C-alpha atoms as a PDB file:
ATOM      1  CA  MET A   1     -13.304 -18.822   7.665  1.00  0.00           C
ATOM      2  CA  ILE A   2     -10.472 -17.222   9.616  1.00  0.00           C
ATOM      3  CA  ALA A   3     -10.067 -13.454   9.383  1.00  0.00           C
ATOM      4  CA  MET A   4      -6.645 -11.939   8.918  1.00  0.00           C
ATOM      5  CA  LYS A   5      -5.324  -8.425   8.443  1.00  0.00           C
ATOM      6  CA  ALA A   6      -3.522  -7.930   5.140  1.00  0.00           C
ATOM      7  CA  TYR A   7      -0.729  -5.349   4.907  1.00  0.00           C
ATOM      8  CA  ARG A   8       0.715  -3.521   1.910  1.00  0.00           C
ATOM      9  CA  LEU A   9       3.296  -0.792   1.556  1.00  0.00           C
ATOM     10  CA  LEU A  10       2.513   1.390  -1.429  1.00  0.00           C
ATOM     11  CA  THR A  11       5.474   3.226  -2.939  1.00  0.00           C
ATOM     12  CA  GLU A  12       5.919   5.549  -5.890  1.00  0.00           C
ATOM     13  CA  ASP A  13       7.792   8.620  -7.026  1.00  0.00           C
ATOM     14  CA  ASP A  14       6.450  11.837  -5.497  1.00  0.00           C
ATOM     15  CA  THR A  15       3.944  12.531  -8.287  1.00  0.00           C
ATOM     16  CA  SER A  16       0.187  12.371  -8.653  1.00  0.00           C
ATOM     17  CA  ALA A  17       0.642   8.663  -9.498  1.00  0.00           C
ATOM     18  CA  PHE A  18       1.330   8.022  -5.801  1.00  0.00           C
ATOM     19  CA  CYS A  19      -1.901   9.759  -4.769  1.00  0.00           C
ATOM     20  CA  HIS A  20      -3.834   7.765  -7.360  1.00  0.00           C
ATOM     21  CA  LYS A  21      -2.299   4.496  -6.122  1.00  0.00           C
ATOM     22  CA  VAL A  22      -3.331   5.247  -2.517  1.00  0.00           C
ATOM     23  CA  THR A  23      -6.788   6.468  -3.581  1.00  0.00           C
ATOM     24  CA  GLU A  24      -7.359   3.283  -5.580  1.00  0.00           C
ATOM     25  CA  ALA A  25      -6.429   1.141  -2.560  1.00  0.00           C
ATOM     26  CA  LEU A  26      -8.802   3.156  -0.342  1.00  0.00           C
ATOM     27  CA  SER A  27     -11.612   2.710  -2.881  1.00  0.00           C
ATOM     28  CA  LYS A  28     -11.087  -1.074  -2.613  1.00  0.00           C
ATOM     29  CA  GLY A  29     -11.531  -1.099   1.159  1.00  0.00           C
ATOM     30  CA  TRP A  30      -7.919  -0.714   2.304  1.00  0.00           C
ATOM     31  CA  GLU A  31      -7.349   1.658   5.248  1.00  0.00           C
ATOM     32  CA  LEU A  32      -4.404   3.943   5.928  1.00  0.00           C
ATOM     33  CA  HIS A  33      -1.989   2.616   8.537  1.00  0.00           C
ATOM     34  CA  GLY A  34       0.287   5.270   9.979  1.00  0.00           C
ATOM     35  CA  SER A  35       1.615   8.349   8.272  1.00  0.00           C
ATOM     36  CA  PRO A  36       3.134   8.581   4.801  1.00  0.00           C
ATOM     37  CA  ALA A  37       6.908   8.630   4.491  1.00  0.00           C
ATOM     38  CA  TYR A  38       9.081  10.566   2.055  1.00  0.00           C
ATOM     39  CA  ALA A  39      12.719   9.984   1.200  1.00  0.00           C
ATOM     40  CA  TYR A  40      15.164  11.222  -1.362  1.00  0.00           C
ATOM     41  CA  ASP A  41      16.317   8.522  -3.794  1.00  0.00           C
ATOM     42  CA  ALA A  42      19.840   9.703  -4.556  1.00  0.00           C
ATOM     43  CA  ALA A  43      20.405   7.068  -7.247  1.00  0.00           C
ATOM     44  CA  ALA A  44      17.333   8.218  -9.181  1.00  0.00           C
ATOM     45  CA  GLY A  45      17.584  11.879  -8.154  1.00  0.00           C
ATOM     46  CA  ARG A  46      13.984  12.208  -6.968  1.00  0.00           C
ATOM     47  CA  MET A  47      11.725  12.001  -3.943  1.00  0.00           C
ATOM     48  CA  ARG A  48       9.887   8.756  -3.209  1.00  0.00           C
ATOM     49  CA  CYS A  49       6.700   8.290  -1.166  1.00  0.00           C
ATOM     50  CA  ALA A  50       5.431   5.354   0.881  1.00  0.00           C
ATOM     51  CA  GLN A  51       2.134   4.676   2.628  1.00  0.00           C
ATOM     52  CA  ALA A  52       1.167   1.558   4.556  1.00  0.00           C
ATOM     53  CA  VAL A  53      -2.400   0.269   4.163  1.00  0.00           C
ATOM     54  CA  VAL A  54      -4.243  -2.599   5.872  1.00  0.00           C
ATOM     55  CA  LYS A  55      -7.416  -4.534   5.133  1.00  0.00           C
ATOM     56  CA  ASP A  56      -9.377  -7.219   6.973  1.00  0.00           C
ATOM     57  CA  TYR A  57      -9.596 -10.375   4.876  1.00  0.00           C
ATOM     58  CA  ASP A  58     -11.700 -13.487   5.482  1.00  0.00           C
ATOM     59  CA  GLY A  59      -9.258 -16.194   4.580  1.00  0.00           C
ATOM     60  CA  LEU A  60      -5.945 -17.777   5.331  1.00  0.00           C
ATOM     61  CA  TYR A  61      -2.615 -16.238   4.514  1.00  0.00           C
ATOM     62  CA  ASP A  62      -0.899 -17.634   1.440  1.00  0.00           C
ATOM     63  CA  PRO A  63       2.500 -16.247   0.388  1.00  0.00           C
ATOM     64  CA  GLU A  64       1.407 -16.610  -3.261  1.00  0.00           C
ATOM     65  CA  MET A  65      -1.657 -14.364  -2.829  1.00  0.00           C
ATOM     66  CA  LYS A  66      -1.770 -11.098  -4.758  1.00  0.00           C
ATOM     67  CA  LEU A  67      -2.459  -8.527  -2.058  1.00  0.00           C
ATOM     68  CA  SER A  68      -3.355  -5.877  -4.619  1.00  0.00           C
ATOM     69  CA  GLN A  69      -6.303  -8.060  -5.675  1.00  0.00           C
ATOM     70  CA  LEU A  70      -7.894  -8.375  -2.202  1.00  0.00           C
END
């Protein structure tokens, strides 16, 4: 089987939901990749957060794969 590195960008409003989303990914073997980012969403009137995560995966890339289920 060929190993690949899967990549996801987790995003959420700046609430505890974002921390829970990242914590859940870490508990499933994903690793932080870089620093978190914060930006003001003027249309919604709130701050948004983003965090990239990566995970080694034994398999081939398929654009139909659900990365959240790796």
